[in-house]
Amino acid sequence: MVLGVTLGLTLTGGGSSGQKPGVVSTNAPLPDVTGTTIHGTAFSASEYRGRVLVLNFWNPYCQPCRQEATVLDLAEGALAPKEAVLAGVLFSNSNFPHDVPAARSFATELGERSPTLDDPHGTLASAFGIRGIPTTVVADPTGRIRYEVFGALKRGQLERLVSSLLPR
C-alpha cells in the first residue's frame, strides 16, 4: 500500500502560499498522524512504521487535486507491492469547504483504495505547514519527511520519490 495525502496545485490554498510548485527535499520528523477517516474509521501512521508513508492533502473542490487523482491511483497500484502506504488528508480553509459527503463521493467515484483522514480543524495541515493544495508529503521508513511536493504530481514522479527511499 502507499499512503498519500493530497494538498493543492498552483497551491490553491486561498491566496498565494508563497511556495512554487515542485519537489523539495527535506529531513524533518513526521508529525503525529492520527485521526478518523472520512468513513469514520481510526487511522494512525504509527501502524505503518517501517514503510514509506505518502500523505496527499486534497479537497474535492480543488480542480488540480481532481486532476491529480488519476496519477495517485496509478502510483498506488505500482507502489503497493513495495510496501509503501498512501493516505489522503481532507484539507479545508476559506476557499475549500469542509465537505465530507463530497469527499466520500469523489473517493467512491475513483474506486478509493487509500484512506482519507478528515482534518476538520486543520490540525494535520497546520502540523505539516500546509498552506495550499494539492500537496504531497513523503516520509521514509524511519518516520522522517524526505520530500514535499507542492502542486499536482506528475505521472511517475511519486514512484521515483518512493523508490529512492527503499533499499535497493
Foldseek 3Di string as FASTA:
>chain_A
DAQAEFWAACFPQPPHPVDGFFKDFDWAFAPWDWAAFLVGHTDGCVVLQQAKYKEWHDALVHVLRLVLLVLVVVLCVVCVVVSHAGEYEHDDDPVGDQDSVSVVVSCVVSVHDHTYGYDRPCPNCVVVVRRGTGKMWIAANNRITTMIGHRRDDRPRVVVVRVVRGDD
